[in-house]
Amino acid sequence: MPLIYIMKTTITGATGFVGKNLQNYLKTFHEVNSMSIRYIPNQQIKIETDVLIHLSGKAHDLKKVSNPTDYFEANFELTKQVFDAFIKSEASVFIFMSSVKAVADEVKRVLTEDAIPNPQTHYGISKLLAEQYILSKELPQSKRLYILRPTMIHGPGNKGNLNLLYSLINKGFPWPLGSFENQRSFCTIENLCFVIKELLSQEEIPSGVYNIADDTSLSTNELIQLIAASQNKQARILYISKGLITRMTKLGDYLYLPLTTERLQKLTKSYVVSNQKIVSSIRKSLPITSKNGLLKTFQSFKK
């Protein structure tokens, strides 16, 4: 089917990292507008658009200082209001940005859309509740609905864990956890934008839930090597005994050192996400490889 060149597309949460990138990406193909919105009890939202992409919400709190109520209002209650407004409107496509964290905080093998959700954080639970509410409603035949579950999103301008890891290597510190083997999936922002563009242009893609991730996963050791390569340096990876590292983290738990048992688990665990369903549905390859996307992100940190 040929690309529908002009669709009036409205994005909530357009001032965030994903929103800014998505606006710039889609404006070549569609008329793109932003909608500033926050949760207010009993508010009535008016939707006048062809496509509504709902990004607005509260992100995962790495510092663990947020009130649980904030998550449920921003990610669940607000999404209910926005989706109800979509159903009543003339808009034809609704895209909700959920997260793989709505399904699992730990992945033993490969995470697919068939996994039974079991989120452990307020962030993940609030996203899952929003998904369940959306899927519980009868969707008119004239409308399409896509719930996207991206894994860790990154790209130029992104400030997050990858930036912290980059700073560590940039300062010359060696990576001390080389003995731990893992695999992690990432999501390059350009690949996410590409998928959304294809969902808008291909009307035959079925409504449903889709994981979003780059094609290949990488180990943390490979990540360290990419960071070093982006800095034109040789990666310094130490292969210290796992037993010694584990004992050191237990000491860190008591002495409040930088490396604790919880932080070690986060740095070394595997989290592999399958993108097979979405790639098969759009019938196109993702434009950016995982390694090239990460290199592009790391090179942007120099600025």
C-alpha atoms as a PDB file:
ATOM      1  CA  MET A   1       0.000   0.000   0.000  1.00  0.00           C
ATOM      2  CA  PRO A   2       1.449   3.440  -0.865  1.00  0.00           C
ATOM      3  CA  LEU A   3       2.454   5.746   1.940  1.00  0.00           C
ATOM      4  CA  ILE A   4      -0.243   8.143   3.106  1.00  0.00           C
ATOM      5  CA  TYR A   5       1.821  11.304   2.875  1.00  0.00           C
ATOM      6  CA  ILE A   6      -0.149  13.659   5.103  1.00  0.00           C
ATOM      7  CA  MET A   7      -1.810  12.452   8.292  1.00  0.00           C
ATOM      8  CA  LYS A   8      -2.528  14.837  11.119  1.00  0.00           C
ATOM      9  CA  THR A   9      -0.498  13.328  13.948  1.00  0.00           C
ATOM     10  CA  THR A  10      -0.647  14.513  17.555  1.00  0.00           C
ATOM     11  CA  ILE A  11       1.976  13.529  20.128  1.00  0.00           C
ATOM     12  CA  THR A  12       1.587  13.824  23.897  1.00  0.00           C
ATOM     13  CA  GLY A  13       4.817  14.074  25.881  1.00  0.00           C
ATOM     14  CA  ALA A  14       6.465  15.643  22.851  1.00  0.00           C
ATOM     15  CA  THR A  15       9.050  17.551  24.915  1.00  0.00           C
ATOM     16  CA  GLY A  16      10.789  14.374  26.100  1.00  0.00           C
ATOM     17  CA  PHE A  17      13.673  12.573  24.421  1.00  0.00           C
ATOM     18  CA  VAL A  18      11.464  10.220  22.399  1.00  0.00           C
ATOM     19  CA  GLY A  19       8.941  12.953  21.621  1.00  0.00           C
ATOM     20  CA  LYS A  20      11.501  15.376  20.207  1.00  0.00           C
ATOM     21  CA  ASN A  21      13.082  12.720  18.009  1.00  0.00           C
ATOM     22  CA  LEU A  22       9.732  11.410  16.835  1.00  0.00           C
ATOM     23  CA  GLN A  23       8.498  14.892  15.868  1.00  0.00           C
ATOM     24  CA  ASN A  24      11.594  15.537  13.780  1.00  0.00           C
ATOM     25  CA  TYR A  25      11.370  12.108  12.154  1.00  0.00           C
ATOM     26  CA  LEU A  26       7.650  12.156  11.278  1.00  0.00           C
ATOM     27  CA  LYS A  27       7.381  15.743  10.080  1.00  0.00           C
ATOM     28  CA  THR A  28       8.866  14.674   6.732  1.00  0.00           C
ATOM     29  CA  PHE A  29       5.864  12.408   6.184  1.00  0.00           C
ATOM     30  CA  HIS A  30       2.991  13.872   8.207  1.00  0.00           C
ATOM     31  CA  GLU A  31       1.603  17.006   9.799  1.00  0.00           C
ATOM     32  CA  VAL A  32       2.845  16.733  13.376  1.00  0.00           C
ATOM     33  CA  ASN A  33       1.486  18.583  16.401  1.00  0.00           C
ATOM     34  CA  SER A  34       2.131  18.310  20.117  1.00  0.00           C
ATOM     35  CA  MET A  35      -0.358  18.147  22.978  1.00  0.00           C
ATOM     36  CA  SER A  36       0.627  19.231  26.477  1.00  0.00           C
ATOM     37  CA  ILE A  37      -1.376  17.246  28.992  1.00  0.00           C
ATOM     38  CA  ARG A  38      -1.270  16.035  32.582  1.00  0.00           C
ATOM     39  CA  TYR A  39      -3.650  14.107  34.787  1.00  0.00           C
ATOM     40  CA  ILE A  40      -6.541  16.066  36.268  1.00  0.00           C
ATOM     41  CA  PRO A  41      -9.444  14.093  37.789  1.00  0.00           C
ATOM     42  CA  ASN A  42     -12.612  14.022  35.651  1.00  0.00           C
ATOM     43  CA  GLN A  43     -11.134  16.128  32.870  1.00  0.00           C
ATOM     44  CA  GLN A  44     -12.608  15.868  29.385  1.00  0.00           C
ATOM     45  CA  ILE A  45     -10.035  15.706  26.599  1.00  0.00           C
ATOM     46  CA  LYS A  46     -10.898  16.717  23.056  1.00  0.00           C
ATOM     47  CA  ILE A  47      -9.067  14.918  20.261  1.00  0.00           C
ATOM     48  CA  GLU A  48      -8.957  16.477  16.791  1.00  0.00           C
ATOM     49  CA  THR A  49      -6.397  14.490  14.836  1.00  0.00           C
ATOM     50  CA  ASP A  50      -5.951  11.426  12.624  1.00  0.00           C
ATOM     51  CA  VAL A  51      -3.266   9.785  14.750  1.00  0.00           C
ATOM     52  CA  LEU A  52      -2.693  10.046  18.492  1.00  0.00           C
ATOM     53  CA  ILE A  53       0.686   8.923  19.862  1.00  0.00           C
ATOM     54  CA  HIS A  54       0.593   8.869  23.641  1.00  0.00           C
ATOM     55  CA  LEU A  55       4.094   9.257  25.103  1.00  0.00           C
ATOM     56  CA  SER A  56       3.207  11.350  28.136  1.00  0.00           C
ATOM     57  CA  GLY A  57       3.837   9.654  31.473  1.00  0.00           C
ATOM     58  CA  LYS A  58       6.245   9.241  34.344  1.00  0.00           C
ATOM     59  CA  ALA A  59       9.516   7.523  33.541  1.00  0.00           C
ATOM     60  CA  HIS A  60      11.195   4.820  35.589  1.00  0.00           C
ATOM     61  CA  ASP A  61      12.678   6.353  38.758  1.00  0.00           C
ATOM     62  CA  LEU A  62      16.261   5.128  39.106  1.00  0.00           C
ATOM     63  CA  LYS A  63      16.723   7.011  42.400  1.00  0.00           C
ATOM     64  CA  LYS A  64      13.596   5.449  43.977  1.00  0.00           C
ATOM     65  CA  VAL A  65      12.300   8.706  45.441  1.00  0.00           C
ATOM     66  CA  SER A  66       8.990   9.026  43.588  1.00  0.00           C
ATOM     67  CA  ASN A  67       5.578   8.620  45.154  1.00  0.00           C
ATOM     68  CA  PRO A  68       3.770   5.505  43.843  1.00  0.00           C
ATOM     69  CA  THR A  69       0.655   7.626  43.292  1.00  0.00           C
ATOM     70  CA  ASP A  70       2.555   9.714  40.752  1.00  0.00           C
ATOM     71  CA  TYR A  71       3.068   6.640  38.561  1.00  0.00           C
ATOM     72  CA  PHE A  72      -0.545   5.516  38.670  1.00  0.00           C
ATOM     73  CA  GLU A  73      -1.884   8.969  37.866  1.00  0.00           C
ATOM     74  CA  ALA A  74       0.598   9.757  35.076  1.00  0.00           C
ATOM     75  CA  ASN A  75       0.830   6.307  33.477  1.00  0.00           C
ATOM     76  CA  PHE A  76      -2.538   4.717  34.206  1.00  0.00           C
ATOM     77  CA  GLU A  77      -5.221   7.297  34.962  1.00  0.00           C
ATOM     78  CA  LEU A  78      -4.052   9.770  32.309  1.00  0.00           C
ATOM     79  CA  THR A  79      -3.809   7.012  29.695  1.00  0.00           C
ATOM     80  CA  LYS A  80      -7.391   5.986  30.483  1.00  0.00           C
ATOM     81  CA  GLN A  81      -8.572   9.549  29.859  1.00  0.00           C
ATOM     82  CA  VAL A  82      -6.602   9.908  26.637  1.00  0.00           C
ATOM     83  CA  PHE A  83      -7.737   6.536  25.267  1.00  0.00           C
ATOM     84  CA  ASP A  84     -11.381   7.196  26.121  1.00  0.00           C
ATOM     85  CA  ALA A  85     -11.098  10.489  24.231  1.00  0.00           C
ATOM     86  CA  PHE A  86      -9.575   8.633  21.263  1.00  0.00           C
ATOM     87  CA  ILE A  87     -12.462   6.155  21.136  1.00  0.00           C
ATOM     88  CA  LYS A  88     -14.985   9.011  21.035  1.00  0.00           C
ATOM     89  CA  SER A  89     -13.026  10.969  18.416  1.00  0.00           C
ATOM     90  CA  GLU A  90     -12.637  10.652  14.656  1.00  0.00           C
ATOM     91  CA  ALA A  91      -8.977   9.659  15.047  1.00  0.00           C
ATOM     92  CA  SER A  92      -8.106   6.354  13.391  1.00  0.00           C
ATOM     93  CA  VAL A  93      -4.816   5.299  15.034  1.00  0.00           C
ATOM     94  CA  PHE A  94      -3.759   5.190  18.696  1.00  0.00           C
ATOM     95  CA  ILE A  95      -0.181   4.339  19.699  1.00  0.00           C
ATOM     96  CA  PHE A  96       0.598   3.881  23.384  1.00  0.00           C
ATOM     97  CA  MET A  97       4.215   3.872  24.505  1.00  0.00           C
ATOM     98  CA  SER A  98       4.434   1.228  27.196  1.00  0.00           C
ATOM     99  CA  SER A  99       7.613  -0.612  28.222  1.00  0.00           C
ATOM    100  CA  VAL A 100       9.104  -4.081  28.521  1.00  0.00           C
ATOM    101  CA  LYS A 101       9.095  -3.319  32.253  1.00  0.00           C
ATOM    102  CA  ALA A 102       5.311  -3.746  32.126  1.00  0.00           C
ATOM    103  CA  VAL A 103       6.068  -7.441  31.658  1.00  0.00           C
ATOM    104  CA  ALA A 104       9.285  -8.359  33.453  1.00  0.00           C
ATOM    105  CA  ASP A 105      12.110  -6.877  35.479  1.00  0.00           C
ATOM    106  CA  GLU A 106      14.202  -9.988  34.876  1.00  0.00           C
ATOM    107  CA  VAL A 107      14.409 -12.145  31.746  1.00  0.00           C
ATOM    108  CA  LYS A 108      15.789 -15.685  31.909  1.00  0.00           C
ATOM    109  CA  ARG A 109      15.771 -16.442  28.183  1.00  0.00           C
ATOM    110  CA  VAL A 110      14.189 -14.172  25.552  1.00  0.00           C
ATOM    111  CA  LEU A 111      11.228 -11.889  26.238  1.00  0.00           C
ATOM    112  CA  THR A 112       8.387 -12.225  23.733  1.00  0.00           C
ATOM    113  CA  GLU A 113       4.897 -10.769  23.592  1.00  0.00           C
ATOM    114  CA  ASP A 114       3.519 -14.099  24.851  1.00  0.00           C
ATOM    115  CA  ALA A 115       5.197 -13.761  28.258  1.00  0.00           C
ATOM    116  CA  ILE A 116       2.847 -13.563  31.243  1.00  0.00           C
ATOM    117  CA  PRO A 117       3.306 -10.081  32.763  1.00  0.00           C
ATOM    118  CA  ASN A 118       4.745  -9.927  36.253  1.00  0.00           C
ATOM    119  CA  PRO A 119       6.110  -6.403  36.826  1.00  0.00           C
ATOM    120  CA  GLN A 120       7.734  -5.673  40.186  1.00  0.00           C
ATOM    121  CA  THR A 121       7.944  -1.872  40.214  1.00  0.00           C
ATOM    122  CA  HIS A 122       5.297   0.849  40.458  1.00  0.00           C
ATOM    123  CA  TYR A 123       6.420   2.028  37.037  1.00  0.00           C
ATOM    124  CA  GLY A 124       5.936  -1.387  35.438  1.00  0.00           C
ATOM    125  CA  ILE A 125       2.658  -2.067  37.220  1.00  0.00           C
ATOM    126  CA  SER A 126       1.202   1.305  36.198  1.00  0.00           C
ATOM    127  CA  LYS A 127       2.151   0.680  32.549  1.00  0.00           C
ATOM    128  CA  LEU A 128       0.600  -2.803  32.651  1.00  0.00           C
ATOM    129  CA  LEU A 129      -2.627  -1.461  34.131  1.00  0.00           C
ATOM    130  CA  ALA A 130      -2.821   1.050  31.273  1.00  0.00           C
ATOM    131  CA  GLU A 131      -2.269  -1.749  28.734  1.00  0.00           C
ATOM    132  CA  GLN A 132      -4.961  -3.900  30.314  1.00  0.00           C
ATOM    133  CA  TYR A 133      -7.463  -1.049  30.330  1.00  0.00           C
ATOM    134  CA  ILE A 134      -6.850  -0.273  26.650  1.00  0.00           C
ATOM    135  CA  LEU A 135      -7.128  -3.925  25.619  1.00  0.00           C
ATOM    136  CA  SER A 136     -10.328  -4.398  27.632  1.00  0.00           C
ATOM    137  CA  LYS A 137     -12.222  -1.909  25.457  1.00  0.00           C
ATOM    138  CA  GLU A 138     -13.931  -2.849  22.222  1.00  0.00           C
ATOM    139  CA  LEU A 139     -12.112  -1.223  19.323  1.00  0.00           C
ATOM    140  CA  PRO A 140     -14.262   0.056  16.433  1.00  0.00           C
ATOM    141  CA  GLN A 141     -13.408  -1.528  13.076  1.00  0.00           C
ATOM    142  CA  SER A 142     -12.389   1.859  11.697  1.00  0.00           C
ATOM    143  CA  LYS A 143      -9.646   2.271  14.305  1.00  0.00           C
ATOM    144  CA  ARG A 144      -6.209   0.763  14.871  1.00  0.00           C
ATOM    145  CA  LEU A 145      -4.396   0.346  18.187  1.00  0.00           C
ATOM    146  CA  TYR A 146      -0.710  -0.352  18.853  1.00  0.00           C
ATOM    147  CA  ILE A 147       0.847  -0.872  22.269  1.00  0.00           C
ATOM    148  CA  LEU A 148       4.637  -0.624  21.974  1.00  0.00           C
ATOM    149  CA  ARG A 149       7.002  -2.106  24.539  1.00  0.00           C
ATOM    150  CA  PRO A 150      10.496  -0.787  23.847  1.00  0.00           C
ATOM    151  CA  THR A 151      13.547  -1.926  25.745  1.00  0.00           C
ATOM    152  CA  MET A 152      16.231   0.606  26.775  1.00  0.00           C
ATOM    153  CA  ILE A 153      15.935   3.499  24.297  1.00  0.00           C
ATOM    154  CA  HIS A 154      19.053   5.483  23.443  1.00  0.00           C
ATOM    155  CA  GLY A 155      20.320   7.995  20.915  1.00  0.00           C
ATOM    156  CA  PRO A 156      22.128  11.322  20.572  1.00  0.00           C
ATOM    157  CA  GLY A 157      21.057  13.681  23.332  1.00  0.00           C
ATOM    158  CA  ASN A 158      19.927  10.884  25.640  1.00  0.00           C
ATOM    159  CA  LYS A 159      21.022  11.211  29.264  1.00  0.00           C
ATOM    160  CA  GLY A 160      20.896   7.972  31.220  1.00  0.00           C
ATOM    161  CA  ASN A 161      22.798   4.890  32.324  1.00  0.00           C
ATOM    162  CA  LEU A 162      24.753   4.702  29.079  1.00  0.00           C
ATOM    163  CA  ASN A 163      26.045   8.218  29.693  1.00  0.00           C
ATOM    164  CA  LEU A 164      27.236   7.214  33.165  1.00  0.00           C
ATOM    165  CA  LEU A 165      29.012   4.162  31.756  1.00  0.00           C
ATOM    166  CA  TYR A 166      30.591   6.324  29.056  1.00  0.00           C
ATOM    167  CA  SER A 167      31.887   8.772  31.673  1.00  0.00           C
ATOM    168  CA  LEU A 168      33.446   5.943  33.655  1.00  0.00           C
ATOM    169  CA  ILE A 169      35.427   4.671  30.657  1.00  0.00           C
ATOM    170  CA  ASN A 170      36.233   8.205  29.505  1.00  0.00           C
ATOM    171  CA  LYS A 171      37.922   8.911  32.846  1.00  0.00           C
ATOM    172  CA  GLY A 172      40.224   5.963  32.308  1.00  0.00           C
ATOM    173  CA  PHE A 173      38.713   3.559  34.812  1.00  0.00           C
ATOM    174  CA  PRO A 174      38.971  -0.113  33.819  1.00  0.00           C
ATOM    175  CA  TRP A 175      35.810  -2.218  33.694  1.00  0.00           C
ATOM    176  CA  PRO A 176      36.180  -4.660  36.621  1.00  0.00           C
ATOM    177  CA  LEU A 177      33.305  -7.041  35.790  1.00  0.00           C
ATOM    178  CA  GLY A 178      34.685  -8.754  32.693  1.00  0.00           C
ATOM    179  CA  SER A 179      34.179 -12.227  34.212  1.00  0.00           C
ATOM    180  CA  PHE A 180      30.408 -11.828  34.190  1.00  0.00           C
ATOM    181  CA  GLU A 181      28.759 -12.939  30.953  1.00  0.00           C
ATOM    182  CA  ASN A 182      25.427 -11.460  29.909  1.00  0.00           C
ATOM    183  CA  GLN A 183      23.382 -10.276  26.931  1.00  0.00           C
ATOM    184  CA  ARG A 184      21.194  -7.172  26.752  1.00  0.00           C
ATOM    185  CA  SER A 185      18.882  -5.726  24.135  1.00  0.00           C
ATOM    186  CA  PHE A 186      18.833  -2.036  23.253  1.00  0.00           C
ATOM    187  CA  CYS A 187      16.570   0.154  21.158  1.00  0.00           C
ATOM    188  CA  THR A 188      18.085   2.804  18.917  1.00  0.00           C
ATOM    189  CA  ILE A 189      15.790   5.839  18.759  1.00  0.00           C
ATOM    190  CA  GLU A 190      15.895   5.885  14.948  1.00  0.00           C
ATOM    191  CA  ASN A 191      14.658   2.289  14.822  1.00  0.00           C
ATOM    192  CA  LEU A 192      11.771   3.164  17.140  1.00  0.00           C
ATOM    193  CA  CYS A 193      10.799   6.147  14.974  1.00  0.00           C
ATOM    194  CA  PHE A 194      11.051   3.995  11.845  1.00  0.00           C
ATOM    195  CA  VAL A 195       8.702   1.384  13.321  1.00  0.00           C
ATOM    196  CA  ILE A 196       6.119   4.036  14.231  1.00  0.00           C
ATOM    197  CA  LYS A 197       6.302   5.518  10.747  1.00  0.00           C
ATOM    198  CA  GLU A 198       5.656   2.077   9.244  1.00  0.00           C
ATOM    199  CA  LEU A 199       2.719   1.462  11.589  1.00  0.00           C
ATOM    200  CA  LEU A 200       1.121   4.677  10.381  1.00  0.00           C
ATOM    201  CA  SER A 201       1.671   3.973   6.696  1.00  0.00           C
ATOM    202  CA  GLN A 202       0.740   0.274   6.570  1.00  0.00           C
ATOM    203  CA  GLU A 203      -2.939   0.017   7.435  1.00  0.00           C
ATOM    204  CA  GLU A 204      -2.905  -3.785   7.165  1.00  0.00           C
ATOM    205  CA  ILE A 205      -0.657  -4.238  10.233  1.00  0.00           C
ATOM    206  CA  PRO A 206      -2.898  -5.799  12.912  1.00  0.00           C
ATOM    207  CA  SER A 207      -3.648  -3.955  16.121  1.00  0.00           C
ATOM    208  CA  GLY A 208      -1.884  -5.406  19.145  1.00  0.00           C
ATOM    209  CA  VAL A 209       1.119  -5.446  21.450  1.00  0.00           C
ATOM    210  CA  TYR A 210       4.630  -5.269  19.980  1.00  0.00           C
ATOM    211  CA  ASN A 211       8.081  -5.432  21.543  1.00  0.00           C
ATOM    212  CA  ILE A 212      10.547  -2.917  20.101  1.00  0.00           C
ATOM    213  CA  ALA A 213      14.272  -3.684  20.148  1.00  0.00           C
ATOM    214  CA  ASP A 214      17.275  -3.695  17.838  1.00  0.00           C
ATOM    215  CA  ASP A 215      18.006  -6.924  15.979  1.00  0.00           C
ATOM    216  CA  THR A 216      20.918  -8.137  18.102  1.00  0.00           C
ATOM    217  CA  SER A 217      21.774  -8.098  21.795  1.00  0.00           C
ATOM    218  CA  LEU A 218      25.210  -7.270  23.191  1.00  0.00           C
ATOM    219  CA  SER A 219      27.157  -8.188  26.307  1.00  0.00           C
ATOM    220  CA  THR A 220      28.314  -5.491  28.699  1.00  0.00           C
ATOM    221  CA  ASN A 221      31.894  -6.318  27.708  1.00  0.00           C
ATOM    222  CA  GLU A 222      30.999  -5.595  24.065  1.00  0.00           C
ATOM    223  CA  LEU A 223      29.382  -2.366  25.230  1.00  0.00           C
ATOM    224  CA  ILE A 224      32.598  -1.335  26.979  1.00  0.00           C
ATOM    225  CA  GLN A 225      34.560  -2.088  23.801  1.00  0.00           C
ATOM    226  CA  LEU A 226      32.182   0.086  21.743  1.00  0.00           C
ATOM    227  CA  ILE A 227      32.536   2.941  24.220  1.00  0.00           C
ATOM    228  CA  ALA A 228      36.329   2.687  24.032  1.00  0.00           C
ATOM    229  CA  ALA A 229      36.192   2.571  20.224  1.00  0.00           C
ATOM    230  CA  SER A 230      34.075   5.736  20.146  1.00  0.00           C
ATOM    231  CA  GLN A 231      36.841   7.423  22.159  1.00  0.00           C
ATOM    232  CA  ASN A 232      39.627   5.945  19.981  1.00  0.00           C
ATOM    233  CA  LYS A 233      40.896   4.045  23.009  1.00  0.00           C
ATOM    234  CA  GLN A 234      41.707   0.448  23.838  1.00  0.00           C
ATOM    235  CA  ALA A 235      39.124  -1.134  26.125  1.00  0.00           C
ATOM    236  CA  ARG A 236      40.419  -1.954  29.604  1.00  0.00           C
ATOM    237  CA  ILE A 237      38.479  -4.935  30.942  1.00  0.00           C
ATOM    238  CA  LEU A 238      39.521  -6.752  34.119  1.00  0.00           C
ATOM    239  CA  TYR A 239      38.514 -10.383  34.577  1.00  0.00           C
ATOM    240  CA  ILE A 240      38.427 -10.530  38.370  1.00  0.00           C
ATOM    241  CA  SER A 241      37.108 -13.658  40.058  1.00  0.00           C
ATOM    242  CA  LYS A 242      33.312 -13.662  40.335  1.00  0.00           C
ATOM    243  CA  GLY A 243      33.594 -14.944  43.889  1.00  0.00           C
ATOM    244  CA  LEU A 244      35.841 -12.049  44.919  1.00  0.00           C
ATOM    245  CA  ILE A 245      33.539  -9.493  43.270  1.00  0.00           C
ATOM    246  CA  THR A 246      30.507 -11.018  45.003  1.00  0.00           C
ATOM    247  CA  ARG A 247      32.218 -10.815  48.410  1.00  0.00           C
ATOM    248  CA  MET A 248      33.184  -7.211  47.717  1.00  0.00           C
ATOM    249  CA  THR A 249      29.576  -6.295  46.901  1.00  0.00           C
ATOM    250  CA  LYS A 250      28.361  -7.793  50.178  1.00  0.00           C
ATOM    251  CA  LEU A 251      30.873  -5.566  51.941  1.00  0.00           C
ATOM    252  CA  GLY A 252      29.567  -2.683  49.862  1.00  0.00           C
ATOM    253  CA  ASP A 253      26.052  -3.361  51.147  1.00  0.00           C
ATOM    254  CA  TYR A 254      27.207  -2.672  54.708  1.00  0.00           C
ATOM    255  CA  LEU A 255      29.674   0.135  54.032  1.00  0.00           C
ATOM    256  CA  TYR A 256      27.553   1.903  51.376  1.00  0.00           C
ATOM    257  CA  LEU A 257      30.263   1.533  48.735  1.00  0.00           C
ATOM    258  CA  PRO A 258      29.586   2.275  45.024  1.00  0.00           C
ATOM    259  CA  LEU A 259      29.401  -1.433  44.140  1.00  0.00           C
ATOM    260  CA  THR A 260      26.611  -3.233  46.008  1.00  0.00           C
ATOM    261  CA  THR A 261      24.839  -6.541  45.480  1.00  0.00           C
ATOM    262  CA  GLU A 262      21.887  -4.788  43.835  1.00  0.00           C
ATOM    263  CA  ARG A 263      24.085  -2.695  41.531  1.00  0.00           C
ATOM    264  CA  LEU A 264      26.140  -5.748  40.519  1.00  0.00           C
ATOM    265  CA  GLN A 265      22.957  -7.579  39.581  1.00  0.00           C
ATOM    266  CA  LYS A 266      21.783  -4.650  37.454  1.00  0.00           C
ATOM    267  CA  LEU A 267      25.133  -4.310  35.698  1.00  0.00           C
ATOM    268  CA  THR A 268      25.596  -7.989  34.889  1.00  0.00           C
ATOM    269  CA  LYS A 269      22.115  -9.484  34.385  1.00  0.00           C
ATOM    270  CA  SER A 270      20.817 -10.457  30.958  1.00  0.00           C
ATOM    271  CA  TYR A 271      17.725  -8.877  29.404  1.00  0.00           C
ATOM    272  CA  VAL A 272      17.116 -10.049  25.839  1.00  0.00           C
ATOM    273  CA  VAL A 273      13.996  -8.900  23.983  1.00  0.00           C
ATOM    274  CA  SER A 274      12.651 -10.408  20.758  1.00  0.00           C
ATOM    275  CA  ASN A 275      11.602  -8.019  17.970  1.00  0.00           C
ATOM    276  CA  GLN A 276      10.507 -10.810  15.629  1.00  0.00           C
ATOM    277  CA  LYS A 277       6.797  -9.953  15.776  1.00  0.00           C
ATOM    278  CA  ILE A 278       7.165  -6.295  14.784  1.00  0.00           C
ATOM    279  CA  VAL A 279       9.811  -6.943  12.107  1.00  0.00           C
ATOM    280  CA  SER A 280       7.633  -9.656  10.550  1.00  0.00           C
ATOM    281  CA  SER A 281       4.613  -7.338  10.653  1.00  0.00           C
ATOM    282  CA  ILE A 282       6.237  -4.368   8.903  1.00  0.00           C
ATOM    283  CA  ARG A 283       8.056  -6.724   6.490  1.00  0.00           C
ATOM    284  CA  LYS A 284      11.120  -4.479   6.464  1.00  0.00           C
ATOM    285  CA  SER A 285      14.517  -4.576   8.125  1.00  0.00           C
ATOM    286  CA  LEU A 286      15.321  -2.048  10.812  1.00  0.00           C
ATOM    287  CA  PRO A 287      17.552   0.707   9.378  1.00  0.00           C
ATOM    288  CA  ILE A 288      20.203   0.809  12.133  1.00  0.00           C
ATOM    289  CA  THR A 289      22.192  -2.095  13.560  1.00  0.00           C
ATOM    290  CA  SER A 290      22.539  -2.336  17.311  1.00  0.00           C
ATOM    291  CA  LYS A 291      26.290  -1.624  17.256  1.00  0.00           C
ATOM    292  CA  ASN A 292      26.033   1.315  14.844  1.00  0.00           C
ATOM    293  CA  GLY A 293      23.212   2.828  16.885  1.00  0.00           C
ATOM    294  CA  LEU A 294      25.204   2.583  20.107  1.00  0.00           C
ATOM    295  CA  LEU A 295      28.326   4.012  18.452  1.00  0.00           C
ATOM    296  CA  LYS A 296      26.254   6.964  17.243  1.00  0.00           C
ATOM    297  CA  THR A 297      24.991   7.519  20.779  1.00  0.00           C
ATOM    298  CA  PHE A 298      28.450   7.278  22.337  1.00  0.00           C
ATOM    299  CA  GLN A 299      29.970   9.631  19.784  1.00  0.00           C
ATOM    300  CA  SER A 300      27.295  12.202  20.636  1.00  0.00           C
ATOM    301  CA  PHE A 301      28.463  12.201  24.265  1.00  0.00           C
ATOM    302  CA  LYS A 302      31.716  13.848  23.187  1.00  0.00           C
ATOM    303  CA  LYS A 303      29.739  17.026  22.557  1.00  0.00           C
END
